[in-house]
Amino acid sequence: MSTTTAAIASAEAHSAHNYHPLPIVVASAEGAWMTDIEGRRYLDMLAGYSALNFGHGNRRLIDAAKAQLDRVTLTSRAFHHDRFADFCTQLAELCGMEMVLPMNTGAEAVETAVKTARKWGYRIKGVPDGRAKIIVAGGNFHGRTTTIVSFSTDPEARADFGPYTPGFEIVPYGDLTALDAAMTENTVAVLLEPIQGEAGVLVPPAGYLAGVRELTRARNVLFVADEIQSGLGRTGRTFACEHEDVVPDMYLLGKALGGGVVPVSAVVSSAEVLGVYRPGEHGSTFGGNPLACAVALEVVAMLRTGEFQQRATELGDHLHHELGLLVGGGAVDAVRGRGLWAGIDIVPSHGTGRQISERLMGRGVLAKDTHGSTIRIAPPLVISKEDLDWGLDQLKGVLAQQ
């Protein structure tokens, strides 16, 4: 039995089967490349679902983490620490907002947004107690907590986890007419991904986000943008909402905010919205800890230069041009996405998304499937054009096989 086979067998025997990883065991990584326990190198074309926007082992982020490790890593929010104010101030400025509520994971940020929108609805908008409604989109992926799966339309995420949390209404993604019809005086928020990642990198129709902003503003409803995957440079802008010159009432951030070093998430909004909280009403022992703040501060500083957004724009244009050439050739039905982010629908006769991902792994490229026939491409923003082209050549080679 090989070292890889033994490691996978041990993992399968002793860990819950809530994931179905590709059969690789990673031992080290740098930039856009990962190396397995037997010394084989692979080009990372997934980037931890955008958590690794700045690549593996980014020197600036590792140095920031190491420096903080020697000082203090956790105080809990029972005390102030010397990185917290800078983190909140600088992240709020990056977002064009006023206040930050830090958490750890993306799902925690979404749960926090749900609580915040409801409390704002009762305290500020005047919705009767217990009547608040939040509108979400079909095909969404916002996490896997019991409340979040209550408004999922994915049977795999939702089945067997009831009873489900009430207070949500689901409308078709990209449909402004349905959204308008669903709004009532008790609607407190519209929660959307500007681009639906898990659904296959679905970009909404042009004008949709601007239309959502117009409707929510007219009806005194919060527009909550889940930019946990799409934000922080992935699409060529700091936030995907910027492609339509839209500023939501609330940003939900995570993944890349921790630079692939530590989990960091945040809800960022106005003083009116986040000002509804009083001590004891919400919290997290680890949220906003010194180590997380030190790393996230460096992420904010890196994004301020615009370098990574520009790379995502330029390399993204190249990526989509090359992928577009594959459509209609018999192997690819459609390509969607923006920046260094793409969903590729494979013609079923060429294999499932899982099978294509496994064949790519055999050629030294790591990507991941979603929803059966789709694979996702989302390399670190630091990837070189040469490495990106090599990865695309491997994809073309796989698709040429019958």
Protein backbone atom coordinates (compact mmCIF):
# COMPACT_ATOMS: atom_id res chain seq x y z
CA MET A 1 0.00 0.00 0.00
CA SER A 2 1.43 3.38 -0.98
CA THR A 3 1.91 6.20 1.53
CA THR A 4 -0.92 8.14 -0.13
CA THR A 5 -3.30 5.18 -0.09
CA ALA A 6 -2.54 4.49 3.57
CA ALA A 7 -3.10 8.12 4.57
CA ILE A 8 -6.41 8.28 2.71
CA ALA A 9 -7.57 4.98 4.20
CA SER A 10 -6.79 6.25 7.70
CA ALA A 11 -8.67 9.49 7.06
CA GLU A 12 -11.67 7.59 5.70
CA ALA A 13 -11.70 5.30 8.74
CA HIS A 14 -11.44 7.98 11.39
CA SER A 15 -13.13 11.12 10.03
CA ALA A 16 -16.76 11.80 9.19
CA HIS A 17 -17.48 11.49 5.45
CA ASN A 18 -18.89 14.99 5.05
CA TYR A 19 -16.44 15.67 2.19
CA HIS A 20 -15.36 13.63 -0.82
CA PRO A 21 -11.81 14.88 -1.44
CA LEU A 22 -9.80 14.09 -4.51
CA PRO A 23 -7.31 11.27 -3.75
CA ILE A 24 -4.33 13.49 -2.98
CA VAL A 25 -2.58 14.12 0.34
CA VAL A 26 -0.94 17.55 0.38
CA ALA A 27 2.22 18.02 2.45
CA SER A 28 3.41 21.51 1.47
CA ALA A 29 2.52 24.42 -0.78
CA GLU A 30 3.92 27.68 -2.11
CA GLY A 31 2.35 30.27 -4.36
CA ALA A 32 0.06 28.50 -6.80
CA TRP A 33 1.62 25.07 -6.32
CA MET A 34 1.05 22.20 -3.87
CA THR A 35 3.22 19.14 -3.25
CA ASP A 36 1.89 15.82 -2.01
CA ILE A 37 3.46 13.45 0.52
CA GLU A 38 5.22 11.55 -2.25
CA GLY A 39 6.80 14.66 -3.77
CA ARG A 40 4.47 15.19 -6.73
CA ARG A 41 3.65 18.82 -7.58
CA TYR A 42 0.21 20.11 -8.56
CA LEU A 43 -1.03 23.45 -9.83
CA ASP A 44 -3.75 24.72 -7.49
CA MET A 45 -6.67 25.95 -9.59
CA LEU A 46 -9.13 26.11 -6.67
CA ALA A 47 -7.34 28.32 -4.09
CA GLY A 48 -9.33 26.99 -1.16
CA TYR A 49 -12.60 28.26 -2.66
CA SER A 50 -10.99 31.76 -2.76
CA ALA A 51 -9.57 31.59 0.77
CA LEU A 52 -6.10 31.52 -0.83
CA ASN A 53 -6.47 34.52 -3.14
CA PHE A 54 -2.92 35.58 -2.27
CA GLY A 55 -1.41 32.14 -2.73
CA HIS A 56 0.01 29.55 -0.39
CA GLY A 57 2.56 30.76 2.12
CA ASN A 58 2.38 34.41 1.03
CA ARG A 59 5.43 35.94 2.63
CA ARG A 60 3.77 39.14 3.80
CA LEU A 61 0.96 37.24 5.47
CA ILE A 62 3.21 34.60 7.04
CA ASP A 63 5.52 37.31 8.39
CA ALA A 64 2.55 39.20 9.86
CA ALA A 65 1.33 36.02 11.53
CA LYS A 66 4.77 35.10 12.89
CA ALA A 67 5.31 38.56 14.34
CA GLN A 68 1.97 38.43 16.10
CA LEU A 69 2.54 34.88 17.38
CA ASP A 70 5.43 36.20 19.46
CA ARG A 71 3.25 38.90 21.05
CA VAL A 72 -0.32 37.79 21.87
CA THR A 73 -2.74 35.52 20.00
CA LEU A 74 -5.97 35.66 22.01
CA THR A 75 -7.52 37.91 24.61
CA SER A 76 -11.23 37.21 24.00
CA ARG A 77 -13.45 40.26 23.60
CA ALA A 78 -13.47 40.65 27.39
CA PHE A 79 -10.51 42.99 26.84
CA HIS A 80 -9.29 45.37 24.15
CA HIS A 81 -6.09 44.50 22.28
CA ASP A 82 -3.78 46.70 20.24
CA ARG A 83 -4.67 45.30 16.78
CA PHE A 84 -8.44 45.46 17.05
CA ALA A 85 -9.13 49.15 16.46
CA ASP A 86 -6.81 49.29 13.43
CA PHE A 87 -8.43 46.20 11.93
CA CYS A 88 -11.97 47.53 12.30
CA THR A 89 -11.04 51.03 11.11
CA GLN A 90 -9.10 49.94 8.05
CA LEU A 91 -11.54 47.23 6.96
CA ALA A 92 -14.44 49.67 7.31
CA GLU A 93 -12.53 52.19 5.16
CA LEU A 94 -11.80 49.57 2.50
CA CYS A 95 -15.52 48.81 2.34
CA GLY A 96 -16.65 52.44 2.46
CA MET A 97 -18.57 51.61 5.64
CA GLU A 98 -18.47 52.70 9.28
CA MET A 99 -18.45 49.65 11.55
CA VAL A 100 -17.19 46.06 11.65
CA LEU A 101 -18.41 43.04 13.59
CA PRO A 102 -15.66 40.39 13.37
CA MET A 103 -16.29 36.65 13.49
CA ASN A 104 -14.33 33.60 12.31
CA THR A 105 -16.01 31.63 9.52
CA GLY A 106 -18.15 32.65 6.59
CA ALA A 107 -21.17 30.82 8.01
CA GLU A 108 -20.77 32.80 11.24
CA ALA A 109 -20.81 36.01 9.24
CA VAL A 110 -24.04 34.97 7.53
CA GLU A 111 -25.65 33.99 10.83
CA THR A 112 -24.56 37.34 12.25
CA ALA A 113 -26.10 39.12 9.25
CA VAL A 114 -29.41 37.31 9.79
CA LYS A 115 -29.49 38.35 13.45
CA THR A 116 -28.44 41.89 12.59
CA ALA A 117 -31.08 42.33 9.89
CA ARG A 118 -33.82 41.06 12.18
CA LYS A 119 -32.76 43.27 15.07
CA TRP A 120 -32.52 46.28 12.73
CA GLY A 121 -36.00 45.45 11.46
CA TYR A 122 -37.47 45.43 14.94
CA ARG A 123 -35.47 48.32 16.42
CA ILE A 124 -35.21 50.70 13.45
CA LYS A 125 -37.78 49.78 10.80
CA GLY A 126 -40.54 48.95 13.28
CA VAL A 127 -41.46 45.45 12.10
CA PRO A 128 -43.71 43.69 14.66
CA ASP A 129 -41.83 41.28 16.90
CA GLY A 130 -41.37 37.83 15.36
CA ARG A 131 -42.60 38.89 11.90
CA ALA A 132 -39.30 39.78 10.15
CA LYS A 133 -38.72 38.20 6.73
CA ILE A 134 -35.49 37.87 4.78
CA ILE A 135 -35.55 37.21 1.03
CA VAL A 136 -32.88 34.95 -0.48
CA ALA A 137 -32.23 33.53 -3.95
CA GLY A 138 -32.70 30.00 -5.21
CA GLY A 139 -29.45 28.19 -5.83
CA ASN A 140 -27.78 30.06 -2.98
CA PHE A 141 -24.91 28.81 -0.87
CA HIS A 142 -24.32 30.76 2.33
CA GLY A 143 -23.04 28.01 4.61
CA ARG A 144 -24.23 24.86 6.36
CA THR A 145 -25.59 25.82 9.79
CA THR A 146 -29.13 24.72 10.60
CA THR A 147 -30.52 28.20 10.00
CA ILE A 148 -28.66 28.65 6.71
CA VAL A 149 -29.66 25.27 5.26
CA SER A 150 -33.25 26.20 6.12
CA PHE A 151 -33.20 28.54 3.12
CA SER A 152 -31.10 26.38 0.82
CA THR A 153 -32.60 24.84 -2.32
CA ASP A 154 -29.87 22.20 -2.54
CA PRO A 155 -31.25 18.83 -1.32
CA GLU A 156 -27.75 17.65 -0.48
CA ALA A 157 -27.25 20.54 1.95
CA ARG A 158 -30.79 20.54 3.32
CA ALA A 159 -32.20 17.01 3.51
CA ASP A 160 -32.55 15.37 6.96
CA PHE A 161 -31.58 18.50 8.91
CA GLY A 162 -35.06 19.76 9.79
CA PRO A 163 -37.05 21.14 11.47
CA TYR A 164 -36.09 24.25 9.59
CA THR A 165 -35.85 27.85 10.74
CA PRO A 166 -38.73 30.04 9.50
CA GLY A 167 -38.54 33.64 8.37
CA PHE A 168 -37.10 33.27 4.86
CA GLU A 169 -38.58 33.53 1.39
CA ILE A 170 -36.82 32.16 -1.69
CA VAL A 171 -37.09 33.81 -5.12
CA PRO A 172 -35.33 32.94 -8.40
CA TYR A 173 -31.82 34.35 -8.72
CA GLY A 174 -31.63 37.18 -11.22
CA ASP A 175 -35.41 37.84 -11.26
CA LEU A 176 -36.20 41.40 -10.17
CA THR A 177 -39.93 41.01 -10.79
CA ALA A 178 -40.13 38.07 -8.39
CA LEU A 179 -38.05 39.94 -5.83
CA ASP A 180 -40.31 42.98 -5.98
CA ALA A 181 -43.42 40.82 -5.61
CA ALA A 182 -41.99 39.03 -2.58
CA MET A 183 -41.33 42.20 -0.59
CA THR A 184 -43.76 43.20 2.15
CA GLU A 185 -43.74 45.68 5.01
CA ASN A 186 -42.16 42.92 7.13
CA THR A 187 -39.20 42.34 4.80
CA VAL A 188 -36.03 43.40 6.58
CA ALA A 189 -33.32 42.25 4.17
CA VAL A 190 -32.45 40.75 0.80
CA LEU A 191 -29.46 38.41 1.16
CA LEU A 192 -27.65 37.59 -2.09
CA GLU A 193 -24.35 36.43 -3.53
CA PRO A 194 -23.33 38.92 -6.26
CA ILE A 195 -22.07 35.82 -8.09
CA GLN A 196 -23.29 32.41 -6.99
CA GLY A 197 -20.14 30.36 -6.51
CA GLU A 198 -21.28 26.92 -5.38
CA ALA A 199 -24.09 26.98 -7.93
CA GLY A 200 -21.46 26.98 -10.69
CA VAL A 201 -20.13 30.57 -10.75
CA LEU A 202 -23.43 32.04 -11.93
CA VAL A 203 -23.21 35.70 -12.91
CA PRO A 204 -26.62 37.45 -12.71
CA PRO A 205 -28.10 39.35 -15.67
CA ALA A 206 -26.64 42.81 -16.30
CA GLY A 207 -28.41 45.37 -14.16
CA TYR A 208 -29.66 42.85 -11.60
CA LEU A 209 -27.56 44.05 -8.67
CA ALA A 210 -28.35 47.69 -9.46
CA GLY A 211 -32.02 46.73 -9.60
CA VAL A 212 -31.81 45.00 -6.22
CA ARG A 213 -30.20 48.12 -4.79
CA GLU A 214 -32.97 50.31 -6.20
CA LEU A 215 -35.78 48.07 -4.91
CA THR A 216 -34.32 47.66 -1.44
CA ARG A 217 -33.68 51.36 -1.04
CA ALA A 218 -37.22 52.23 -2.15
CA ARG A 219 -38.77 49.71 0.29
CA ASN A 220 -36.49 50.45 3.28
CA VAL A 221 -34.97 46.97 3.14
CA LEU A 222 -31.32 46.10 3.77
CA PHE A 223 -29.31 44.80 0.81
CA VAL A 224 -26.88 42.24 2.26
CA ALA A 225 -24.12 41.15 -0.15
CA ASP A 226 -22.45 37.84 0.64
CA GLU A 227 -19.00 38.52 -0.80
CA ILE A 228 -17.34 35.70 1.12
CA GLN A 229 -16.20 34.01 -2.11
CA SER A 230 -16.58 36.81 -4.64
CA GLY A 231 -14.96 39.60 -2.63
CA LEU A 232 -11.44 40.78 -1.95
CA GLY A 233 -10.08 40.77 -5.48
CA ARG A 234 -11.39 37.54 -6.99
CA THR A 235 -13.48 39.14 -9.76
CA GLY A 236 -11.07 41.96 -10.64
CA ARG A 237 -12.60 44.44 -8.22
CA THR A 238 -12.33 44.58 -4.45
CA PHE A 239 -16.01 43.58 -4.35
CA ALA A 240 -18.09 41.95 -7.09
CA CYS A 241 -20.85 44.50 -6.43
CA GLU A 242 -18.54 47.16 -7.85
CA HIS A 243 -19.04 45.79 -11.36
CA GLU A 244 -22.46 47.47 -11.27
CA ASP A 245 -21.34 50.44 -9.14
CA VAL A 246 -23.47 49.10 -6.30
CA VAL A 247 -22.79 49.61 -2.60
CA PRO A 248 -24.94 47.32 -0.43
CA ASP A 249 -26.01 48.08 3.13
CA MET A 250 -23.91 45.24 4.45
CA TYR A 251 -20.90 43.26 3.22
CA LEU A 252 -20.26 39.73 4.45
CA LEU A 253 -16.59 38.84 4.18
CA GLY A 254 -14.51 35.77 4.96
CA LYS A 255 -12.21 33.28 3.23
CA ALA A 256 -9.52 35.56 1.68
CA LEU A 257 -9.79 37.96 4.64
CA GLY A 258 -7.73 35.43 6.60
CA GLY A 259 -5.22 35.05 3.77
CA GLY A 260 -5.35 31.25 3.96
CA VAL A 261 -3.55 31.53 7.33
CA VAL A 262 -6.33 31.79 9.92
CA PRO A 263 -10.14 31.89 9.68
CA VAL A 264 -11.38 35.50 9.70
CA SER A 265 -14.81 36.77 8.77
CA ALA A 266 -16.65 40.04 9.25
CA VAL A 267 -19.93 41.84 8.83
CA VAL A 268 -19.28 45.39 7.66
CA SER A 269 -22.03 48.00 7.63
CA SER A 270 -23.19 51.42 8.81
CA ALA A 271 -23.37 52.69 12.36
CA GLU A 272 -27.16 52.65 12.09
CA VAL A 273 -27.24 48.94 11.27
CA LEU A 274 -24.48 47.54 13.46
CA GLY A 275 -25.29 50.08 16.15
CA VAL A 276 -28.36 48.03 17.11
CA TYR A 277 -26.22 45.71 19.22
CA ARG A 278 -25.76 46.07 22.94
CA PRO A 279 -23.23 44.16 25.09
CA GLY A 280 -24.10 40.51 25.48
CA GLU A 281 -26.44 40.24 22.49
CA HIS A 282 -23.91 38.63 20.14
CA GLY A 283 -20.31 37.52 20.35
CA SER A 284 -17.46 35.11 19.69
CA THR A 285 -14.54 34.09 21.88
CA PHE A 286 -12.16 34.02 18.92
CA GLY A 287 -13.80 36.67 16.71
CA GLY A 288 -11.45 39.61 16.19
CA ASN A 289 -8.54 37.93 18.01
CA PRO A 290 -5.08 39.56 17.75
CA LEU A 291 -3.65 36.94 15.36
CA ALA A 292 -6.65 37.19 13.05
CA CYS A 293 -6.53 40.99 13.09
CA ALA A 294 -2.80 41.05 12.31
CA VAL A 295 -3.23 38.83 9.26
CA ALA A 296 -6.39 40.58 8.05
CA LEU A 297 -4.73 43.99 8.41
CA GLU A 298 -2.04 42.83 6.01
CA VAL A 299 -4.72 41.55 3.61
CA VAL A 300 -6.38 44.98 3.67
CA ALA A 301 -3.03 46.68 3.02
CA MET A 302 -2.36 44.40 0.05
CA LEU A 303 -5.78 45.08 -1.46
CA ARG A 304 -5.34 48.82 -1.07
CA THR A 305 -2.66 48.86 -3.76
CA GLY A 306 -5.03 47.50 -6.43
CA GLU A 307 -2.32 45.10 -7.63
CA PHE A 308 -4.32 41.94 -7.03
CA GLN A 309 -7.51 43.33 -8.51
CA GLN A 310 -5.55 44.28 -11.63
CA ARG A 311 -4.01 40.81 -11.90
CA ALA A 312 -7.45 39.23 -11.58
CA THR A 313 -8.75 41.50 -14.33
CA GLU A 314 -5.92 40.91 -16.79
CA LEU A 315 -5.45 37.20 -16.18
CA GLY A 316 -9.20 36.77 -15.92
CA ASP A 317 -9.72 38.27 -19.37
CA HIS A 318 -7.15 35.80 -20.71
CA LEU A 319 -8.74 32.89 -18.83
CA HIS A 320 -12.21 33.59 -20.18
CA HIS A 321 -10.95 34.11 -23.71
CA GLU A 322 -9.23 30.73 -23.67
CA LEU A 323 -12.19 28.96 -22.04
CA GLY A 324 -14.60 30.61 -24.46
CA LEU A 325 -12.79 28.93 -27.33
CA LEU A 326 -13.76 25.56 -25.89
CA VAL A 327 -17.50 26.19 -26.03
CA GLY A 328 -19.18 24.47 -28.94
CA GLY A 329 -16.28 22.11 -29.56
CA GLY A 330 -18.20 19.11 -28.29
CA ALA A 331 -16.80 18.94 -24.77
CA VAL A 332 -17.95 22.19 -23.12
CA ASP A 333 -21.56 23.40 -23.04
CA ALA A 334 -20.98 26.78 -21.38
CA VAL A 335 -18.49 28.91 -19.46
CA ARG A 336 -19.43 31.55 -16.90
CA GLY A 337 -17.61 33.78 -14.47
CA ARG A 338 -15.73 37.00 -13.90
CA GLY A 339 -12.10 37.72 -13.18
CA LEU A 340 -10.05 34.69 -12.15
CA TRP A 341 -13.18 32.67 -11.49
CA ALA A 342 -15.01 30.38 -13.90
CA GLY A 343 -17.61 27.65 -13.98
CA ILE A 344 -17.28 25.20 -16.88
CA ASP A 345 -20.22 22.99 -17.84
CA ILE A 346 -18.95 19.70 -19.25
CA VAL A 347 -20.89 17.83 -21.93
CA PRO A 348 -22.07 14.68 -20.08
CA SER A 349 -20.65 12.32 -22.70
CA HIS A 350 -17.16 13.54 -21.73
CA GLY A 351 -17.64 12.66 -18.07
CA THR A 352 -18.93 14.09 -14.83
CA GLY A 353 -17.32 17.06 -13.16
CA ARG A 354 -15.77 14.67 -10.66
CA GLN A 355 -14.27 12.52 -13.41
CA ILE A 356 -12.84 15.56 -15.21
CA SER A 357 -11.34 16.76 -11.90
CA GLU A 358 -9.73 13.37 -11.34
CA ARG A 359 -8.27 13.34 -14.86
CA LEU A 360 -6.91 16.84 -14.31
CA MET A 361 -5.29 15.66 -11.08
CA GLY A 362 -3.59 12.93 -13.09
CA ARG A 363 -2.06 15.70 -15.20
CA GLY A 364 -0.94 17.74 -12.18
CA VAL A 365 -3.82 20.23 -11.92
CA LEU A 366 -6.22 20.49 -8.98
CA ALA A 367 -9.77 21.77 -9.55
CA LYS A 368 -13.14 20.77 -8.11
CA ASP A 369 -16.55 19.82 -9.39
CA THR A 370 -19.95 21.12 -8.33
CA HIS A 371 -23.49 20.08 -9.18
CA GLY A 372 -22.56 17.07 -11.25
CA SER A 373 -21.33 18.34 -14.60
CA THR A 374 -19.58 21.61 -13.66
CA ILE A 375 -15.98 22.22 -12.66
CA ARG A 376 -14.74 25.40 -11.04
CA ILE A 377 -11.55 27.25 -11.86
CA ALA A 378 -10.32 29.77 -9.28
CA PRO A 379 -6.52 29.90 -9.07
CA PRO A 380 -4.67 32.11 -6.59
CA LEU A 381 -4.44 35.69 -7.86
CA VAL A 382 -0.64 35.38 -7.71
CA ILE A 383 -0.54 32.70 -10.42
CA SER A 384 1.74 33.50 -13.35
CA LYS A 385 0.38 33.65 -16.88
CA GLU A 386 2.74 30.81 -17.83
CA ASP A 387 1.38 28.56 -15.08
CA LEU A 388 -2.20 29.51 -15.93
CA ASP A 389 -1.61 28.62 -19.58
CA TRP A 390 -0.01 25.31 -18.58
CA GLY A 391 -3.07 24.51 -16.46
CA LEU A 392 -5.39 25.40 -19.32
CA ASP A 393 -3.36 23.18 -21.66
CA GLN A 394 -3.93 20.27 -19.26
CA LEU A 395 -7.66 21.00 -19.25
CA LYS A 396 -7.71 21.05 -23.06
CA GLY A 397 -5.85 17.73 -23.07
CA VAL A 398 -8.36 16.15 -20.73
CA LEU A 399 -11.31 17.44 -22.76
CA ALA A 400 -9.76 16.08 -25.98
CA GLN A 401 -10.04 12.58 -24.54
CA GLN A 402 -13.24 10.61 -25.12
